[in-house]
C-alpha atoms as a PDB file:
ATOM      1  CA  MET A   1     100.401 101.142 111.466  1.00  0.00           C
ATOM      2  CA  LYS A   2     103.605 102.560 112.786  1.00  0.00           C
ATOM      3  CA  LEU A   3     103.730 103.008 116.545  1.00  0.00           C
ATOM      4  CA  SER A   4     104.435 106.471 117.869  1.00  0.00           C
ATOM      5  CA  THR A   5     107.509 106.905 120.020  1.00  0.00           C
ATOM      6  CA  LYS A   6     105.291 107.408 123.078  1.00  0.00           C
ATOM      7  CA  VAL A   7     103.279 104.238 122.431  1.00  0.00           C
ATOM      8  CA  ALA A   8     106.514 102.282 121.924  1.00  0.00           C
ATOM      9  CA  GLU A   9     107.824 103.620 125.249  1.00  0.00           C
ATOM     10  CA  LEU A  10     104.562 102.758 127.031  1.00  0.00           C
ATOM     11  CA  THR A  11     104.540  99.286 125.461  1.00  0.00           C
ATOM     12  CA  ASN A  12     108.030  98.579 126.827  1.00  0.00           C
ATOM     13  CA  ILE A  13     106.928  99.626 130.306  1.00  0.00           C
ATOM     14  CA  ILE A  14     103.494  97.962 130.297  1.00  0.00           C
ATOM     15  CA  ALA A  15     104.115  94.625 128.505  1.00  0.00           C
ATOM     16  CA  PRO A  16     105.850  92.892 131.446  1.00  0.00           C
ATOM     17  CA  ALA A  17     103.067  93.960 133.823  1.00  0.00           C
ATOM     18  CA  VAL A  18     100.424  92.581 131.474  1.00  0.00           C
ATOM     19  CA  ALA A  19     102.341  89.296 131.064  1.00  0.00           C
ATOM     20  CA  ALA A  20     102.491  88.964 134.859  1.00  0.00           C
ATOM     21  CA  CYS A  21      98.678  88.765 134.823  1.00  0.00           C
ATOM     22  CA  ASP A  22      98.710  85.693 132.527  1.00  0.00           C
ATOM     23  CA  VAL A  23      97.259  87.508 129.510  1.00  0.00           C
ATOM     24  CA  SER A  24      98.943  88.957 126.440  1.00  0.00           C
ATOM     25  CA  LEU A  25      99.141  92.560 125.316  1.00  0.00           C
ATOM     26  CA  TRP A  26      97.197  93.071 122.069  1.00  0.00           C
ATOM     27  CA  GLY A  27      97.872  96.795 121.760  1.00  0.00           C
ATOM     28  CA  ILE A  28      97.941 100.245 123.287  1.00  0.00           C
ATOM     29  CA  GLU A  29      96.248 103.488 122.294  1.00  0.00           C
ATOM     30  CA  PHE A  30      97.502 106.735 123.785  1.00  0.00           C
ATOM     31  CA  ALA A  31      95.580 109.938 123.133  1.00  0.00           C
ATOM     32  CA  PRO A  32      96.929 113.113 124.730  1.00  0.00           C
ATOM     33  CA  GLN A  33      93.945 115.389 125.307  1.00  0.00           C
ATOM     34  CA  GLY A  34      95.137 118.612 126.859  1.00  0.00           C
ATOM     35  CA  ARG A  35      95.522 118.230 130.607  1.00  0.00           C
ATOM     36  CA  ARG A  36      93.948 114.761 130.716  1.00  0.00           C
ATOM     37  CA  SER A  37      95.159 111.979 128.435  1.00  0.00           C
ATOM     38  CA  LEU A  38      93.626 108.596 127.643  1.00  0.00           C
ATOM     39  CA  LEU A  39      95.628 105.384 127.851  1.00  0.00           C
ATOM     40  CA  ARG A  40      93.710 102.389 126.530  1.00  0.00           C
ATOM     41  CA  ILE A  41      95.226  98.908 126.858  1.00  0.00           C
ATOM     42  CA  TYR A  42      93.842  95.924 124.966  1.00  0.00           C
ATOM     43  CA  ILE A  43      94.552  92.464 126.365  1.00  0.00           C
ATOM     44  CA  GLU A  44      94.032  89.024 124.876  1.00  0.00           C
ATOM     45  CA  ALA A  45      93.888  85.539 126.356  1.00  0.00           C
ATOM     46  CA  LEU A  46      97.126  83.597 125.976  1.00  0.00           C
ATOM     47  CA  PRO A  47      97.227  81.345 122.873  1.00  0.00           C
ATOM     48  CA  GLU A  48      96.988  78.173 124.964  1.00  0.00           C
ATOM     49  CA  ASP A  49      93.913  79.595 126.726  1.00  0.00           C
ATOM     50  CA  GLN A  50      92.340  80.564 123.392  1.00  0.00           C
ATOM     51  CA  ALA A  51      92.826  76.965 122.244  1.00  0.00           C
ATOM     52  CA  GLN A  52      90.660  75.960 125.224  1.00  0.00           C
ATOM     53  CA  ASP A  53      88.103  78.641 124.241  1.00  0.00           C
ATOM     54  CA  LYS A  54      88.928  80.824 127.258  1.00  0.00           C
ATOM     55  CA  HIS A  55      88.502  84.567 126.877  1.00  0.00           C
ATOM     56  CA  VAL A  56      89.475  87.740 128.708  1.00  0.00           C
ATOM     57  CA  THR A  57      87.277  88.335 131.751  1.00  0.00           C
ATOM     58  CA  ILE A  58      86.443  91.442 133.752  1.00  0.00           C
ATOM     59  CA  GLU A  59      88.696  90.028 136.465  1.00  0.00           C
ATOM     60  CA  ASP A  60      91.586  89.908 133.960  1.00  0.00           C
ATOM     61  CA  CYS A  61      90.961  93.554 133.071  1.00  0.00           C
ATOM     62  CA  ALA A  62      90.852  94.555 136.745  1.00  0.00           C
ATOM     63  CA  ALA A  63      94.086  92.677 137.488  1.00  0.00           C
ATOM     64  CA  VAL A  64      95.883  94.329 134.563  1.00  0.00           C
ATOM     65  CA  ASN A  65      94.524  97.740 135.555  1.00  0.00           C
ATOM     66  CA  HIS A  66      95.863  97.276 139.083  1.00  0.00           C
ATOM     67  CA  GLN A  67      99.255  95.966 137.913  1.00  0.00           C
ATOM     68  CA  VAL A  68      99.741  98.632 135.238  1.00  0.00           C
ATOM     69  CA  SER A  69      98.651 101.442 137.568  1.00  0.00           C
ATOM     70  CA  GLY A  70     101.463 100.501 139.938  1.00  0.00           C
ATOM     71  CA  ILE A  71     104.042 100.358 137.124  1.00  0.00           C
ATOM     72  CA  LEU A  72     102.922 103.728 135.742  1.00  0.00           C
ATOM     73  CA  GLU A  73     103.107 105.226 139.221  1.00  0.00           C
ATOM     74  CA  VAL A  74     106.751 104.148 139.506  1.00  0.00           C
ATOM     75  CA  HIS A  75     107.873 105.075 135.967  1.00  0.00           C
ATOM     76  CA  ASP A  76     105.620 108.155 135.558  1.00  0.00           C
ATOM     77  CA  PRO A  77     105.821 108.196 131.714  1.00  0.00           C
ATOM     78  CA  ILE A  78     102.707 110.344 131.223  1.00  0.00           C
ATOM     79  CA  ALA A  79     102.777 114.035 132.066  1.00  0.00           C
ATOM     80  CA  GLY A  80      99.680 115.261 133.856  1.00  0.00           C
ATOM     81  CA  GLU A  81      96.464 113.379 134.513  1.00  0.00           C
ATOM     82  CA  TYR A  82      95.333 110.393 132.497  1.00  0.00           C
ATOM     83  CA  ILE A  83      92.505 107.914 132.317  1.00  0.00           C
ATOM     84  CA  LEU A  84      93.497 104.247 132.179  1.00  0.00           C
ATOM     85  CA  GLU A  85      91.164 101.813 130.412  1.00  0.00           C
ATOM     86  CA  VAL A  86      91.757  98.071 130.030  1.00  0.00           C
ATOM     87  CA  SER A  87      89.624  95.848 127.797  1.00  0.00           C
ATOM     88  CA  SER A  88      89.666  93.004 125.319  1.00  0.00           C
ATOM     89  CA  PRO A  89      90.114  93.948 121.649  1.00  0.00           C
ATOM     90  CA  GLY A  90      86.536  92.869 120.926  1.00  0.00           C
ATOM     91  CA  PHE A  91      85.001  91.446 117.770  1.00  0.00           C
ATOM     92  CA  ASP A  92      85.951  94.486 115.678  1.00  0.00           C
ATOM     93  CA  ARG A  93      89.504  94.510 116.969  1.00  0.00           C
ATOM     94  CA  ALA A  94      91.988  97.077 115.791  1.00  0.00           C
ATOM     95  CA  PHE A  95      95.275  95.713 114.512  1.00  0.00           C
ATOM     96  CA  PHE A  96      98.365  97.254 116.056  1.00  0.00           C
ATOM     97  CA  SER A  97     100.913  95.406 113.925  1.00  0.00           C
ATOM     98  CA  ASP A  98     101.047  93.745 110.540  1.00  0.00           C
ATOM     99  CA  GLU A  99     101.858  90.424 112.205  1.00  0.00           C
ATOM    100  CA  GLN A 100      98.497  90.402 113.997  1.00  0.00           C
ATOM    101  CA  MET A 101      96.648  90.330 110.675  1.00  0.00           C
ATOM    102  CA  HIS A 102      98.201  87.022 109.544  1.00  0.00           C
ATOM    103  CA  ALA A 103      95.772  85.044 111.726  1.00  0.00           C
ATOM    104  CA  TYR A 104      92.812  86.745 110.019  1.00  0.00           C
ATOM    105  CA  VAL A 105      93.473  85.861 106.368  1.00  0.00           C
ATOM    106  CA  GLY A 106      90.113  84.977 104.836  1.00  0.00           C
ATOM    107  CA  GLN A 107      88.180  87.379 107.054  1.00  0.00           C
ATOM    108  CA  THR A 108      86.871  90.868 106.358  1.00  0.00           C
ATOM    109  CA  VAL A 109      89.018  93.846 107.330  1.00  0.00           C
ATOM    110  CA  SER A 110      88.551  97.585 107.095  1.00  0.00           C
ATOM    111  CA  LEU A 111      91.514  99.817 106.299  1.00  0.00           C
ATOM    112  CA  ARG A 112      92.111 103.543 106.520  1.00  0.00           C
ATOM    113  CA  LEU A 113      94.965 104.511 104.225  1.00  0.00           C
ATOM    114  CA  ILE A 114      97.549 107.251 104.392  1.00  0.00           C
ATOM    115  CA  GLN A 115      97.400 107.907 100.638  1.00  0.00           C
ATOM    116  CA  ALA A 116      94.463 107.187  98.347  1.00  0.00           C
ATOM    117  CA  ILE A 117      94.566 104.208  96.026  1.00  0.00           C
ATOM    118  CA  GLY A 118      92.790 103.737  92.696  1.00  0.00           C
ATOM    119  CA  THR A 119      92.515 105.977  89.662  1.00  0.00           C
ATOM    120  CA  GLY A 120      90.421 108.932  88.563  1.00  0.00           C
ATOM    121  CA  ASP A 121      87.194 109.388  90.490  1.00  0.00           C
ATOM    122  CA  GLN A 122      87.647 105.887  91.953  1.00  0.00           C
ATOM    123  CA  LYS A 123      90.390 107.034  94.356  1.00  0.00           C
ATOM    124  CA  ARG A 124      89.772 106.075  97.951  1.00  0.00           C
ATOM    125  CA  ARG A 125      91.443 106.294 101.340  1.00  0.00           C
ATOM    126  CA  LYS A 126      89.277 103.576 102.859  1.00  0.00           C
ATOM    127  CA  ALA A 127      89.053  99.971 101.778  1.00  0.00           C
ATOM    128  CA  THR A 128      87.014  97.072 103.135  1.00  0.00           C
ATOM    129  CA  GLY A 129      87.143  93.514 101.947  1.00  0.00           C
ATOM    130  CA  THR A 130      88.371  89.989 102.448  1.00  0.00           C
ATOM    131  CA  LEU A 131      92.001  89.765 103.457  1.00  0.00           C
ATOM    132  CA  ASP A 132      93.355  87.393 100.804  1.00  0.00           C
ATOM    133  CA  SER A 133      97.016  87.398 101.819  1.00  0.00           C
ATOM    134  CA  ILE A 134      99.671  89.386 103.610  1.00  0.00           C
ATOM    135  CA  ASP A 135     103.458  89.336 103.490  1.00  0.00           C
ATOM    136  CA  ASP A 136     106.131  91.635 104.864  1.00  0.00           C
ATOM    137  CA  LYS A 137     105.386  94.458 102.366  1.00  0.00           C
ATOM    138  CA  VAL A 138     101.833  94.218 100.997  1.00  0.00           C
ATOM    139  CA  LEU A 139      98.423  92.812 101.650  1.00  0.00           C
ATOM    140  CA  LYS A 140      95.881  91.715  99.077  1.00  0.00           C
ATOM    141  CA  LEU A 141      92.235  92.507  99.588  1.00  0.00           C
ATOM    142  CA  THR A 142      89.088  91.657  97.603  1.00  0.00           C
ATOM    143  CA  SER A 143      86.178  94.068  98.067  1.00  0.00           C
ATOM    144  CA  SER A 144      82.558  92.905  98.188  1.00  0.00           C
ATOM    145  CA  ASP A 145      82.121  93.970  94.543  1.00  0.00           C
ATOM    146  CA  GLY A 146      84.995  91.701  93.489  1.00  0.00           C
ATOM    147  CA  LYS A 147      87.670  94.363  93.003  1.00  0.00           C
ATOM    148  CA  GLN A 148      91.125  93.290  94.088  1.00  0.00           C
ATOM    149  CA  PHE A 149      93.584  95.642  95.748  1.00  0.00           C
ATOM    150  CA  GLU A 150      97.242  95.287  96.573  1.00  0.00           C
ATOM    151  CA  ILE A 151      98.065  97.710  99.366  1.00  0.00           C
ATOM    152  CA  ALA A 152     101.507  98.511 100.738  1.00  0.00           C
ATOM    153  CA  LEU A 153     101.627  97.915 104.490  1.00  0.00           C
ATOM    154  CA  SER A 154     103.432 101.252 104.817  1.00  0.00           C
ATOM    155  CA  ASN A 155     100.279 102.941 103.419  1.00  0.00           C
ATOM    156  CA  ILE A 156      97.980 101.626 106.183  1.00  0.00           C
ATOM    157  CA  ASP A 157      97.091 104.163 108.845  1.00  0.00           C
ATOM    158  CA  LYS A 158      94.558 101.999 110.704  1.00  0.00           C
ATOM    159  CA  ALA A 159      93.168  98.490 110.275  1.00  0.00           C
ATOM    160  CA  ASN A 160      90.246  96.726 111.963  1.00  0.00           C
ATOM    161  CA  LEU A 161      88.602  93.355 111.747  1.00  0.00           C
ATOM    162  CA  VAL A 162      84.990  93.655 110.571  1.00  0.00           C
ATOM    163  CA  TYR A 163      82.638  91.694 112.791  1.00  0.00           C
ATOM    164  CA  GLU A 164      80.335  89.452 110.794  1.00  0.00           C
ATOM    165  CA  ASP A 165      77.497  87.810 112.700  1.00  0.00           C
ATOM    166  CA  ALA A 166      77.375  84.164 111.690  1.00  0.00           C
END
């Protein structure tokens, strides 16, 4: 889940504007699409607000959109036209850093891998299961059929929380 240079640049520009709106930046997706690019910003309630069961509102998204639009206008980091979207990460949130996953140990995650794991005809580039543990190099996952996997963090292309209706 390495950030591209462009996403890192955008994060440095956008993070202070998001913080000024009393929410935290969960992550950024940037997808250049010819003449019109897509910039998607995910925001999260501050930890102290989450402790009080407060969540991101449409007003929070509008405030961040307004604030970030002004910052992007000044810095102009995106060539050409772009669409700006602001939302909460949602129940099936994507993880943008390894550190974000620590709070979700014990929950189900879905991974897309850079290189396949397993042996023979059991090789796979996708893995879903309970996140058993994570450290600075690997995570351990148990699939629904009881298989355990140890996956290098450097081998993870994309990771999402799997929403499970209680």
